[in-house]
Structure formats: structure tokens, C-alpha cells
């Protein structure tokens, strides 16, 4: 049976015409879509990690506060937490450190620096204090000076195992939303509430 070479060539030529590559416009469109997906994924991851940071910092504060109460009773000396403002360039962040009463003065806790050393809260978090018969002023910290004793802390846990009741709120600076609330009573029992609603943890 004779084979038509011309017919085969025509068929191959037709297929080659249909198998063309992407145009420059199509490639640019694909790159834009991929870039948009990557940027949205990065935004989601960064916002999620910030949430984990804040949650971990709030729970850590409660754990250290419970530890400070135990140390106050064990050592027979009052323990307190001093909350202040730290300026880092154009950004102001909140930080706290634990102090121990020495006579009528307060000093940085001379033991367990890993637990009682200064900690900085995540950026864009504002701290609001409500303490019964207590000082709620948050001072901006000055440059450290070994000869200058720190001011009295706003929150005090006494060697007797008691505390002045209070409420501390962590608020999102941008939205004004309450992220966490920590409330404690006369006996130093802590209640940590996410967004001021859920009873997350009680020591």
C-alpha cells in the first residue's frame, strides 16, 4: 500500500503549529500570581508567630509570678515586679523585672537571673494596670546605673503569702483589643484570661 509522504508532513506541521510556548504576557501574569501568593503566606506566618510570642510571654509571666510568690514565702522577703517603658530608637516597648525588698528599699533580685531578670514584651503591646491602693504609673527607664536603686515595684507579693489584688491587661496598640488579662486576689491566686473572656489558667 503506497504511503503519502506529503500527507504525513502536513500532519506533523499542523501539530508543530499548535504546540507553541508561553507568551511573555502569560509568563508575567504567572509571576505576579505566584508573588502575590508568597506575600500573603508570609504575612499570615508573621502574624501567627506574633500571636504565639504574646501567648508565650503572658503564660511565662504567670509562671514566674507564681515562682516569685513561693520565693517570697520561702526567704521571708517581699518580691515585686517593676513594669516600665524601654525606648529602642523610635519604638517604645514595655518590659518588666523582679525586685526583692531590702529593708525600706528595693533591689534587683540577687538570685535566679534567668527567671527574675528583665524581659521585654512583644512590640505593639500596651500594659494597663489596675491595683487596689497601689501605684500604677509606668515610668520610662533611664540608662542603667549600678549605684541607682530601682523605684518601688507596682505589683508586690508579700512574704506572708498575700498580695494587693489587681488586674493587668495586655492591649493591642493598633486595635485597642484586649489580648490577655491577668487578675490576682489577696491570696495571690492568678487567673489568666485570653481576651478577658476565657478562663485560661489558674494557679
N, C-alpha and C. Protein backbone atom coordinates (compact mmCIF):
# COMPACT_ATOMS: atom_id res chain seq x y z
N UNK A 1 0.86 -1.20 0.00
CA UNK A 1 0.00 0.00 0.00
C UNK A 1 0.88 1.23 0.00
N UNK A 2 0.72 2.12 -0.96
CA UNK A 2 1.58 3.32 -1.05
C UNK A 2 1.32 4.27 0.12
N UNK A 3 2.42 4.89 0.61
CA UNK A 3 2.32 5.85 1.72
C UNK A 3 2.50 7.26 1.18
N UNK A 4 1.64 8.13 1.61
CA UNK A 4 1.70 9.52 1.16
C UNK A 4 2.64 10.29 2.08
N UNK A 5 3.82 10.56 1.64
CA UNK A 5 4.78 11.34 2.41
C UNK A 5 4.30 12.76 2.62
N UNK A 6 3.65 13.27 1.61
CA UNK A 6 3.15 14.65 1.69
C UNK A 6 2.12 14.79 2.79
N UNK A 7 1.24 13.78 2.93
CA UNK A 7 0.20 13.82 3.97
C UNK A 7 0.79 13.79 5.35
N UNK A 8 1.84 12.94 5.55
CA UNK A 8 2.47 12.86 6.86
C UNK A 8 3.15 14.17 7.22
N UNK A 9 3.79 14.76 6.29
CA UNK A 9 4.47 16.04 6.53
C UNK A 9 3.48 17.11 6.90
N UNK A 10 2.32 17.06 6.21
CA UNK A 10 1.31 18.07 6.51
C UNK A 10 0.78 17.90 7.93
N UNK A 11 0.56 16.61 8.33
CA UNK A 11 0.04 16.36 9.68
C UNK A 11 1.04 16.82 10.74
N UNK A 12 2.32 16.50 10.55
CA UNK A 12 3.35 16.88 11.53
C UNK A 12 3.47 18.39 11.64
N UNK A 13 3.37 19.05 10.51
CA UNK A 13 3.46 20.51 10.50
C UNK A 13 2.31 21.14 11.26
N UNK A 14 1.12 20.51 11.14
CA UNK A 14 -0.03 21.06 11.85
C UNK A 14 0.12 20.93 13.35
N UNK A 15 0.66 19.78 13.83
CA UNK A 15 0.86 19.59 15.26
C UNK A 15 1.90 20.55 15.81
N UNK A 16 2.96 20.76 15.04
CA UNK A 16 4.01 21.68 15.48
C UNK A 16 3.49 23.09 15.63
N UNK A 17 2.55 23.44 14.80
CA UNK A 17 1.99 24.79 14.88
C UNK A 17 1.19 24.98 16.16
N UNK A 18 0.49 23.88 16.58
CA UNK A 18 -0.34 24.01 17.78
C UNK A 18 0.47 23.97 19.07
N UNK A 19 1.69 23.39 19.10
CA UNK A 19 2.50 23.26 20.30
C UNK A 19 3.43 24.46 20.48
N UNK A 20 2.86 25.62 20.67
CA UNK A 20 3.67 26.82 20.86
C UNK A 20 3.96 27.04 22.34
N UNK A 21 4.93 27.86 22.70
CA UNK A 21 5.30 28.16 24.08
C UNK A 21 4.44 29.27 24.67
N UNK A 22 4.74 29.60 25.98
CA UNK A 22 4.02 30.70 26.65
C UNK A 22 4.49 32.03 26.08
N UNK A 23 3.56 32.95 26.01
CA UNK A 23 3.94 34.30 25.60
C UNK A 23 4.52 35.04 26.80
N UNK A 24 5.19 36.15 26.54
CA UNK A 24 5.78 36.95 27.61
C UNK A 24 4.71 37.46 28.56
N UNK A 25 3.57 37.83 28.05
CA UNK A 25 2.48 38.33 28.88
C UNK A 25 1.98 37.25 29.85
N UNK A 26 1.87 36.01 29.35
CA UNK A 26 1.42 34.91 30.20
C UNK A 26 2.43 34.62 31.30
N UNK A 27 3.71 34.65 30.98
CA UNK A 27 4.75 34.42 31.99
C UNK A 27 4.71 35.49 33.07
N UNK A 28 4.55 36.74 32.65
CA UNK A 28 4.48 37.82 33.63
C UNK A 28 3.27 37.67 34.54
N UNK A 29 2.14 37.23 33.98
CA UNK A 29 0.94 37.03 34.77
C UNK A 29 1.14 35.93 35.81
N UNK A 30 1.80 34.84 35.41
CA UNK A 30 2.08 33.75 36.34
C UNK A 30 2.99 34.22 37.47
N UNK A 31 4.02 35.01 37.14
CA UNK A 31 4.94 35.51 38.15
C UNK A 31 4.23 36.42 39.14
N UNK A 32 3.33 37.25 38.67
CA UNK A 32 2.58 38.14 39.56
C UNK A 32 1.70 37.34 40.53
N UNK A 33 1.02 36.31 40.00
CA UNK A 33 0.16 35.49 40.85
C UNK A 33 0.98 34.75 41.91
N UNK A 34 2.12 34.17 41.50
CA UNK A 34 2.99 33.46 42.45
C UNK A 34 3.52 34.42 43.52
N UNK A 35 3.93 35.61 43.12
CA UNK A 35 4.42 36.60 44.08
C UNK A 35 3.36 37.00 45.07
N UNK A 36 2.13 37.15 44.60
CA UNK A 36 1.02 37.50 45.50
C UNK A 36 0.76 36.40 46.51
N UNK A 37 0.79 35.15 46.07
CA UNK A 37 0.56 34.02 46.98
C UNK A 37 1.65 33.95 48.04
N UNK A 38 2.92 34.15 47.62
CA UNK A 38 4.04 34.09 48.56
C UNK A 38 3.95 35.21 49.60
N UNK A 39 3.58 36.42 49.16
CA UNK A 39 3.49 37.54 50.10
C UNK A 39 2.36 37.33 51.10
N UNK A 40 1.23 36.79 50.67
CA UNK A 40 0.12 36.52 51.58
C UNK A 40 0.49 35.44 52.58
N UNK A 41 1.22 34.42 52.11
CA UNK A 41 1.65 33.36 53.02
C UNK A 41 2.62 33.89 54.06
N UNK A 42 3.54 34.76 53.63
CA UNK A 42 4.49 35.36 54.58
C UNK A 42 3.81 36.22 55.61
N UNK A 43 2.79 36.99 55.17
CA UNK A 43 2.04 37.84 56.10
C UNK A 43 1.31 36.99 57.13
N UNK A 44 0.72 35.89 56.68
CA UNK A 44 0.00 35.01 57.58
C UNK A 44 0.93 34.38 58.61
N UNK A 45 2.11 33.95 58.17
CA UNK A 45 3.07 33.34 59.08
C UNK A 45 3.58 34.34 60.11
N UNK A 46 3.86 35.59 59.66
CA UNK A 46 4.39 36.58 60.59
C UNK A 46 3.36 36.97 61.64
N UNK A 47 2.10 37.13 61.24
CA UNK A 47 1.06 37.47 62.21
C UNK A 47 0.82 36.32 63.17
N UNK A 48 0.93 35.09 62.66
CA UNK A 48 0.76 33.94 63.54
C UNK A 48 1.87 33.84 64.56
N UNK A 49 3.10 34.08 64.13
CA UNK A 49 4.23 33.99 65.06
C UNK A 49 4.14 35.08 66.13
N UNK A 50 3.63 36.25 65.78
CA UNK A 50 3.45 37.32 66.77
C UNK A 50 2.45 36.88 67.83
N UNK A 51 1.37 36.22 67.40
CA UNK A 51 0.38 35.73 68.36
C UNK A 51 0.98 34.71 69.32
N UNK A 52 1.80 33.80 68.77
CA UNK A 52 2.45 32.81 69.63
C UNK A 52 3.40 33.48 70.61
N UNK A 53 4.09 34.52 70.14
CA UNK A 53 5.02 35.26 71.01
C UNK A 53 4.28 35.85 72.21
N UNK A 54 3.17 36.50 71.94
CA UNK A 54 2.41 37.16 73.00
C UNK A 54 1.83 36.14 73.96
N UNK A 55 1.29 35.04 73.42
CA UNK A 55 0.74 34.00 74.28
C UNK A 55 1.81 33.43 75.20
N UNK A 56 2.99 33.14 74.63
CA UNK A 56 4.08 32.56 75.42
C UNK A 56 4.55 33.53 76.50
N UNK A 57 4.61 34.83 76.16
CA UNK A 57 5.06 35.83 77.13
C UNK A 57 4.06 35.96 78.28
N UNK A 58 2.77 35.90 77.98
CA UNK A 58 1.75 36.01 79.03
C UNK A 58 1.82 34.82 79.98
N UNK A 59 1.93 33.64 79.43
CA UNK A 59 1.99 32.44 80.27
C UNK A 59 3.28 32.40 81.09
N UNK A 60 4.36 32.87 80.48
CA UNK A 60 5.63 32.92 81.20
C UNK A 60 5.53 33.87 82.40
N UNK A 61 4.87 35.00 82.21
CA UNK A 61 4.71 35.96 83.30
C UNK A 61 3.99 35.31 84.48
N UNK A 62 2.93 34.55 84.20
CA UNK A 62 2.17 33.90 85.26
C UNK A 62 3.04 32.88 85.98
N UNK A 63 3.80 32.09 85.23
CA UNK A 63 4.67 31.08 85.84
C UNK A 63 5.71 31.72 86.77
N UNK A 64 6.31 32.81 86.31
CA UNK A 64 7.34 33.47 87.13
C UNK A 64 6.70 34.14 88.33
N UNK A 65 5.49 34.69 88.18
CA UNK A 65 4.80 35.31 89.32
C UNK A 65 4.52 34.27 90.41
N UNK A 66 4.08 33.09 90.01
CA UNK A 66 3.84 32.02 90.99
C UNK A 66 5.14 31.62 91.67
N UNK A 67 6.21 31.56 90.89
CA UNK A 67 7.53 31.23 91.44
C UNK A 67 7.99 32.32 92.42
N UNK A 68 7.75 33.59 92.08
CA UNK A 68 8.14 34.70 92.95
C UNK A 68 7.40 34.64 94.28
N UNK A 69 6.13 34.26 94.25
CA UNK A 69 5.38 34.14 95.50
C UNK A 69 5.96 33.05 96.39
N UNK A 70 6.34 31.94 95.77
CA UNK A 70 6.96 30.86 96.55
C UNK A 70 8.28 31.31 97.18
N UNK A 71 9.07 32.07 96.40
CA UNK A 71 10.36 32.55 96.90
C UNK A 71 10.16 33.56 98.03
N UNK A 72 9.13 34.40 97.91
CA UNK A 72 8.85 35.39 98.96
C UNK A 72 8.56 34.71 100.29
N UNK A 73 7.74 33.67 100.25
CA UNK A 73 7.41 32.95 101.48
C UNK A 73 8.61 32.16 101.99
N UNK A 74 9.36 31.55 101.08
CA UNK A 74 10.49 30.71 101.48
C UNK A 74 11.61 31.53 102.13
N UNK A 75 11.91 32.70 101.52
CA UNK A 75 13.01 33.54 102.00
C UNK A 75 12.58 34.57 103.04
N UNK A 76 11.28 34.73 103.23
CA UNK A 76 10.80 35.69 104.20
C UNK A 76 11.01 37.14 103.79
N UNK A 77 11.07 37.40 102.46
CA UNK A 77 11.24 38.77 101.96
C UNK A 77 10.21 39.03 100.86
N UNK A 78 9.76 40.28 100.79
CA UNK A 78 8.78 40.64 99.78
C UNK A 78 9.41 40.63 98.39
N UNK A 79 8.63 40.22 97.40
CA UNK A 79 9.04 40.24 96.00
C UNK A 79 8.06 41.12 95.22
N UNK A 80 8.57 41.81 94.22
CA UNK A 80 7.70 42.67 93.43
C UNK A 80 8.15 42.71 91.99
N UNK A 81 7.25 43.12 91.11
CA UNK A 81 7.57 43.24 89.69
C UNK A 81 7.43 44.70 89.29
N UNK A 82 8.47 45.22 88.66
CA UNK A 82 8.50 46.60 88.19
C UNK A 82 8.31 46.61 86.68
N UNK A 83 7.25 47.25 86.23
CA UNK A 83 6.93 47.33 84.81
C UNK A 83 7.25 48.74 84.33
N UNK A 84 7.97 48.84 83.23
CA UNK A 84 8.36 50.15 82.72
C UNK A 84 8.36 50.20 81.21
N UNK A 85 8.81 51.33 80.69
CA UNK A 85 8.87 51.55 79.25
C UNK A 85 10.33 51.66 78.82
N UNK A 86 10.67 50.93 77.79
CA UNK A 86 12.02 50.99 77.22
C UNK A 86 11.93 51.61 75.83
N UNK A 87 12.82 52.54 75.55
CA UNK A 87 12.86 53.17 74.23
C UNK A 87 13.97 52.54 73.41
N UNK A 88 13.60 52.00 72.26
CA UNK A 88 14.56 51.42 71.33
C UNK A 88 14.43 52.15 70.01
N UNK A 89 15.19 53.25 69.86
CA UNK A 89 15.05 54.08 68.67
C UNK A 89 13.73 54.82 68.71
N UNK A 90 12.94 54.64 67.65
CA UNK A 90 11.63 55.29 67.58
C UNK A 90 10.53 54.42 68.18
N UNK A 91 10.89 53.23 68.65
CA UNK A 91 9.90 52.29 69.17
C UNK A 91 9.98 52.24 70.69
N UNK A 92 8.82 52.28 71.34
CA UNK A 92 8.75 52.16 72.79
C UNK A 92 8.08 50.83 73.12
N UNK A 93 8.76 50.03 73.93
CA UNK A 93 8.22 48.72 74.31
C UNK A 93 8.15 48.62 75.83
N UNK A 94 7.28 47.75 76.29
CA UNK A 94 7.12 47.52 77.72
C UNK A 94 8.04 46.39 78.16
N UNK A 95 8.58 46.52 79.36
CA UNK A 95 9.42 45.47 79.91
C UNK A 95 9.16 45.37 81.41
N UNK A 96 9.61 44.28 82.01
CA UNK A 96 9.42 44.10 83.45
C UNK A 96 10.60 43.34 84.04
N UNK A 97 10.82 43.54 85.32
CA UNK A 97 11.84 42.80 86.05
C UNK A 97 11.39 42.63 87.49
N UNK A 98 11.93 41.61 88.15
CA UNK A 98 11.53 41.28 89.51
C UNK A 98 12.53 41.84 90.51
N UNK A 99 11.98 42.39 91.59
CA UNK A 99 12.79 43.01 92.62
C UNK A 99 12.54 42.33 93.96
N UNK A 100 13.49 42.52 94.88
CA UNK A 100 13.37 41.99 96.23
C UNK A 100 13.53 43.15 97.21
N UNK A 101 12.70 43.15 98.26
CA UNK A 101 12.78 44.22 99.25
C UNK A 101 14.00 43.99 100.14
N UNK A 102 14.75 45.06 100.33
CA UNK A 102 15.90 45.04 101.23
C UNK A 102 15.73 46.18 102.21
N UNK A 103 15.14 45.91 103.38
CA UNK A 103 14.81 46.98 104.32
C UNK A 103 13.68 47.82 103.77
N UNK A 104 13.93 49.14 103.64
CA UNK A 104 12.92 50.03 103.08
C UNK A 104 13.13 50.29 101.59
N UNK A 105 14.11 49.63 101.01
CA UNK A 105 14.44 49.84 99.60
C UNK A 105 14.20 48.58 98.80
N UNK A 106 14.25 48.74 97.48
CA UNK A 106 14.10 47.60 96.57
C UNK A 106 15.37 47.46 95.74
N UNK A 107 15.71 46.23 95.44
CA UNK A 107 16.88 45.96 94.61
C UNK A 107 16.54 44.85 93.62
N UNK A 108 17.35 44.77 92.58
CA UNK A 108 17.16 43.68 91.63
C UNK A 108 17.34 42.35 92.34
N UNK A 109 16.46 41.41 92.06
CA UNK A 109 16.52 40.12 92.73
C UNK A 109 17.92 39.53 92.57
N UNK A 110 18.62 39.23 93.68
CA UNK A 110 20.01 38.81 93.60
C UNK A 110 20.20 37.33 93.27
N UNK A 111 19.14 36.64 92.92
CA UNK A 111 19.25 35.21 92.63
C UNK A 111 18.39 34.85 91.42
N UNK A 112 18.73 33.77 90.78
CA UNK A 112 17.99 33.23 89.62
C UNK A 112 17.69 34.32 88.58
N UNK A 113 18.77 34.84 88.01
CA UNK A 113 18.62 35.89 87.00
C UNK A 113 17.87 35.39 85.76
N UNK A 114 17.93 34.08 85.49
CA UNK A 114 17.21 33.54 84.34
C UNK A 114 15.71 33.74 84.48
N UNK A 115 15.22 33.63 85.70
CA UNK A 115 13.78 33.79 85.93
C UNK A 115 13.40 35.23 86.21
N UNK A 116 14.19 35.91 87.03
CA UNK A 116 13.80 37.23 87.52
C UNK A 116 14.47 38.40 86.78
N UNK A 117 15.28 38.11 85.78
CA UNK A 117 15.90 39.19 85.01
C UNK A 117 14.90 39.93 84.15
N UNK A 118 15.34 41.04 83.58
CA UNK A 118 14.43 41.88 82.79
C UNK A 118 14.00 41.17 81.51
N UNK A 119 12.73 41.30 81.22
CA UNK A 119 12.16 40.74 80.00
C UNK A 119 11.41 41.83 79.25
N UNK A 120 11.52 41.80 77.94
CA UNK A 120 10.83 42.78 77.10
C UNK A 120 9.63 42.12 76.44
N UNK A 121 8.50 42.80 76.50
CA UNK A 121 7.29 42.27 75.89
C UNK A 121 7.32 42.50 74.38
N UNK A 122 6.55 41.72 73.63
CA UNK A 122 6.50 41.92 72.19
C UNK A 122 6.07 43.35 71.83
N UNK A 123 6.57 43.88 70.71
CA UNK A 123 6.19 45.25 70.29
C UNK A 123 4.67 45.35 70.06
N UNK A 124 4.18 46.57 70.10
CA UNK A 124 2.76 46.85 69.86
C UNK A 124 1.85 46.29 70.94
N UNK A 125 2.41 46.00 72.13
CA UNK A 125 1.60 45.55 73.26
C UNK A 125 1.69 46.60 74.36
N UNK A 126 0.54 47.09 74.80
CA UNK A 126 0.48 48.08 75.87
C UNK A 126 0.03 47.39 77.16
N UNK A 127 0.62 47.79 78.27
CA UNK A 127 0.27 47.21 79.58
C UNK A 127 -0.55 48.23 80.37
N UNK A 128 -1.69 47.79 80.88
CA UNK A 128 -2.55 48.64 81.71
C UNK A 128 -2.71 47.96 83.06
N UNK A 129 -2.43 48.69 84.13
CA UNK A 129 -2.50 48.14 85.48
C UNK A 129 -3.66 48.76 86.25
N UNK A 130 -4.36 47.93 87.01
CA UNK A 130 -5.38 48.38 87.95
C UNK A 130 -5.10 47.66 89.27
N UNK A 131 -4.61 48.40 90.27
CA UNK A 131 -4.22 47.79 91.53
C UNK A 131 -4.91 48.52 92.68
N UNK A 132 -5.48 47.77 93.61
CA UNK A 132 -6.14 48.38 94.76
C UNK A 132 -5.09 49.04 95.66
N UNK A 133 -5.26 50.32 95.86
CA UNK A 133 -4.37 51.10 96.74
C UNK A 133 -2.90 50.95 96.34
N UNK A 134 -2.65 50.92 95.05
CA UNK A 134 -1.28 50.76 94.59
C UNK A 134 -0.93 51.76 93.50
N UNK A 135 0.36 51.88 93.22
CA UNK A 135 0.85 52.79 92.19
C UNK A 135 0.81 52.07 90.85
N UNK A 136 0.13 52.66 89.88
CA UNK A 136 0.02 52.05 88.56
C UNK A 136 0.80 52.82 87.50
N UNK A 137 1.64 53.76 87.92
CA UNK A 137 2.40 54.56 86.96
C UNK A 137 3.53 53.73 86.36
N UNK A 138 3.64 53.76 85.04
CA UNK A 138 4.70 53.05 84.34
C UNK A 138 5.72 54.06 83.86
N UNK A 139 6.90 54.04 84.45
CA UNK A 139 7.93 55.03 84.16
C UNK A 139 8.81 54.58 82.99
N UNK A 140 9.32 55.58 82.25
CA UNK A 140 10.28 55.26 81.21
C UNK A 140 11.63 55.02 81.86
N UNK A 141 12.25 53.93 81.50
CA UNK A 141 13.51 53.54 82.13
C UNK A 141 14.64 54.43 81.63
N UNK A 142 15.52 54.76 82.55
CA UNK A 142 16.71 55.54 82.20
C UNK A 142 17.88 54.59 81.97
N UNK A 143 19.00 55.14 81.55
CA UNK A 143 20.19 54.32 81.34
C UNK A 143 20.58 53.66 82.65
N UNK A 144 20.97 52.38 82.59
CA UNK A 144 21.30 51.66 83.83
C UNK A 144 22.46 52.29 84.58
N UNK A 145 22.34 52.31 85.89
CA UNK A 145 23.38 52.86 86.75
C UNK A 145 23.49 51.95 87.97
N UNK A 146 24.67 51.37 88.17
CA UNK A 146 24.85 50.40 89.25
C UNK A 146 24.62 51.01 90.63
N UNK A 147 24.79 52.33 90.74
CA UNK A 147 24.64 52.97 92.04
C UNK A 147 23.22 53.44 92.31
N UNK A 148 22.37 53.40 91.30
CA UNK A 148 21.00 53.86 91.46
C UNK A 148 20.08 52.68 91.71
N UNK A 149 19.35 52.73 92.81
CA UNK A 149 18.42 51.66 93.12
C UNK A 149 17.13 51.86 92.33
N UNK A 150 16.48 50.79 91.91
CA UNK A 150 15.24 50.93 91.14
C UNK A 150 14.12 51.45 92.02
N UNK A 151 13.11 52.05 91.42
CA UNK A 151 11.96 52.51 92.20
C UNK A 151 11.15 51.32 92.71
N UNK A 152 10.19 51.60 93.57
CA UNK A 152 9.35 50.54 94.12
C UNK A 152 8.52 49.90 93.01
N UNK A 153 8.33 48.60 93.07
CA UNK A 153 7.53 47.92 92.03
C UNK A 153 6.05 48.24 92.18
N UNK A 154 5.33 48.09 91.08
CA UNK A 154 3.89 48.34 91.14
C UNK A 154 3.13 47.15 91.74
N UNK A 155 3.63 45.93 91.50
CA UNK A 155 2.98 44.72 91.99
C UNK A 155 3.88 44.09 93.05
N UNK A 156 3.32 43.83 94.23
CA UNK A 156 4.11 43.29 95.33
C UNK A 156 3.46 42.01 95.86
N UNK A 157 4.29 40.99 96.06
CA UNK A 157 3.88 39.76 96.71
C UNK A 157 4.64 39.67 98.04
N UNK A 158 3.88 39.62 99.12
CA UNK A 158 4.48 39.72 100.44
C UNK A 158 4.96 38.37 100.95
N UNK A 159 5.90 38.43 101.90
CA UNK A 159 6.45 37.21 102.48
C UNK A 159 5.38 36.42 103.22
N UNK A 160 4.31 37.08 103.62
CA UNK A 160 3.20 36.42 104.32
C UNK A 160 2.36 35.54 103.41
N UNK A 161 2.63 35.62 102.09
CA UNK A 161 1.83 34.85 101.13
C UNK A 161 0.65 35.61 100.58
N UNK A 162 0.55 36.90 100.92
CA UNK A 162 -0.55 37.73 100.44
C UNK A 162 -0.07 38.70 99.37
N UNK A 163 -1.02 39.32 98.72
CA UNK A 163 -0.71 40.30 97.68
C UNK A 163 -1.82 41.34 97.63
N UNK A 164 -1.50 42.52 97.14
CA UNK A 164 -2.54 43.52 96.91
C UNK A 164 -3.25 43.14 95.62
N UNK A 165 -4.57 42.88 95.67
CA UNK A 165 -5.29 42.44 94.46
C UNK A 165 -5.14 43.44 93.31
N UNK A 166 -5.15 42.91 92.11
CA UNK A 166 -5.02 43.78 90.95
C UNK A 166 -5.37 43.08 89.66
N UNK A 167 -5.31 43.85 88.61
CA UNK A 167 -5.62 43.37 87.26
C UNK A 167 -4.62 43.99 86.30
N UNK A 168 -4.01 43.16 85.47
CA UNK A 168 -3.10 43.64 84.43
C UNK A 168 -3.64 43.22 83.07
N UNK A 169 -3.76 44.18 82.17
CA UNK A 169 -4.26 43.90 80.82
C UNK A 169 -3.17 44.16 79.80
N UNK A 170 -3.07 43.26 78.83
CA UNK A 170 -2.18 43.45 77.68
C UNK A 170 -3.07 43.79 76.49
N UNK A 171 -2.83 44.97 75.92
CA UNK A 171 -3.71 45.50 74.89
C UNK A 171 -2.95 45.70 73.59
N UNK A 172 -3.58 45.36 72.47
CA UNK A 172 -3.00 45.61 71.16
C UNK A 172 -3.03 47.11 70.88
N UNK A 173 -1.86 47.71 70.68
CA UNK A 173 -1.77 49.16 70.49
C UNK A 173 -2.54 49.60 69.26
N UNK A 174 -2.48 48.81 68.19
CA UNK A 174 -3.11 49.21 66.93
C UNK A 174 -4.62 49.17 66.96
N UNK A 175 -5.19 48.13 67.57
CA UNK A 175 -6.64 47.93 67.53
C UNK A 175 -7.33 48.27 68.85
N UNK A 176 -6.57 48.35 69.95
CA UNK A 176 -7.18 48.57 71.25
C UNK A 176 -7.81 47.32 71.83
N UNK A 177 -7.63 46.17 71.18
CA UNK A 177 -8.21 44.91 71.65
C UNK A 177 -7.43 44.36 72.84
N UNK A 178 -8.15 43.87 73.83
CA UNK A 178 -7.51 43.22 74.98
C UNK A 178 -7.04 41.85 74.54
N UNK A 179 -5.74 41.60 74.63
CA UNK A 179 -5.17 40.32 74.23
C UNK A 179 -5.20 39.33 75.39
N UNK A 180 -4.75 39.80 76.56
CA UNK A 180 -4.74 38.95 77.76
C UNK A 180 -5.07 39.80 78.98
N UNK A 181 -5.71 39.17 79.95
CA UNK A 181 -5.92 39.77 81.26
C UNK A 181 -5.39 38.82 82.32
N UNK A 182 -4.65 39.38 83.27
CA UNK A 182 -4.17 38.60 84.41
C UNK A 182 -4.71 39.26 85.67
N UNK A 183 -5.49 38.51 86.44
CA UNK A 183 -6.08 39.02 87.68
C UNK A 183 -5.59 38.16 88.84
N UNK A 184 -5.30 38.80 89.96
CA UNK A 184 -4.88 38.07 91.15
C UNK A 184 -5.60 38.64 92.37
N UNK A 185 -5.80 37.78 93.37
CA UNK A 185 -6.54 38.20 94.55
C UNK A 185 -5.61 38.37 95.74
N UNK A 186 -6.20 38.54 96.92
CA UNK A 186 -5.44 38.80 98.14
C UNK A 186 -4.49 37.66 98.48
N UNK A 187 -4.85 36.45 98.10
CA UNK A 187 -4.02 35.28 98.40
C UNK A 187 -3.05 34.95 97.26
N UNK A 188 -2.97 35.84 96.28
CA UNK A 188 -2.02 35.61 95.19
C UNK A 188 -2.44 34.54 94.22
N UNK A 189 -3.72 34.27 94.12
CA UNK A 189 -4.21 33.28 93.15
C UNK A 189 -4.42 33.98 91.81
N UNK A 190 -3.81 33.42 90.77
CA UNK A 190 -3.81 34.06 89.46
C UNK A 190 -4.87 33.46 88.55
N UNK A 191 -5.46 34.33 87.75
CA UNK A 191 -6.39 33.89 86.71
C UNK A 191 -6.01 34.59 85.42
N UNK A 192 -5.61 33.80 84.45
CA UNK A 192 -5.19 34.33 83.15
C UNK A 192 -6.31 34.12 82.15
N UNK A 193 -6.75 35.20 81.50
CA UNK A 193 -7.88 35.13 80.58
C UNK A 193 -7.48 35.67 79.22
N UNK A 194 -7.69 34.85 78.21
CA UNK A 194 -7.45 35.32 76.83
C UNK A 194 -8.57 36.25 76.41
N UNK A 195 -8.19 37.44 75.97
CA UNK A 195 -9.15 38.48 75.55
C UNK A 195 -10.14 38.84 76.67
N UNK A 196 -9.75 38.55 77.90
CA UNK A 196 -10.59 38.90 79.03
C UNK A 196 -11.83 38.07 79.18
N UNK A 197 -11.92 36.96 78.42
CA UNK A 197 -13.15 36.16 78.44
C UNK A 197 -12.89 34.75 78.97
N UNK A 198 -12.01 34.03 78.29
CA UNK A 198 -11.80 32.63 78.64
C UNK A 198 -10.95 32.50 79.90
N UNK A 199 -11.31 31.56 80.74
CA UNK A 199 -10.52 31.24 81.91
C UNK A 199 -9.43 30.28 81.48
N UNK A 200 -8.25 30.86 81.13
CA UNK A 200 -7.21 30.06 80.50
C UNK A 200 -6.39 29.27 81.51
N UNK A 201 -6.08 29.91 82.64
CA UNK A 201 -5.16 29.25 83.56
C UNK A 201 -5.36 29.81 84.95
N UNK A 202 -5.28 28.97 85.91
CA UNK A 202 -5.45 29.44 87.29
C UNK A 202 -4.44 28.73 88.16
N UNK A 203 -3.63 29.53 88.87
CA UNK A 203 -2.60 28.96 89.73
C UNK A 203 -3.12 28.88 91.16
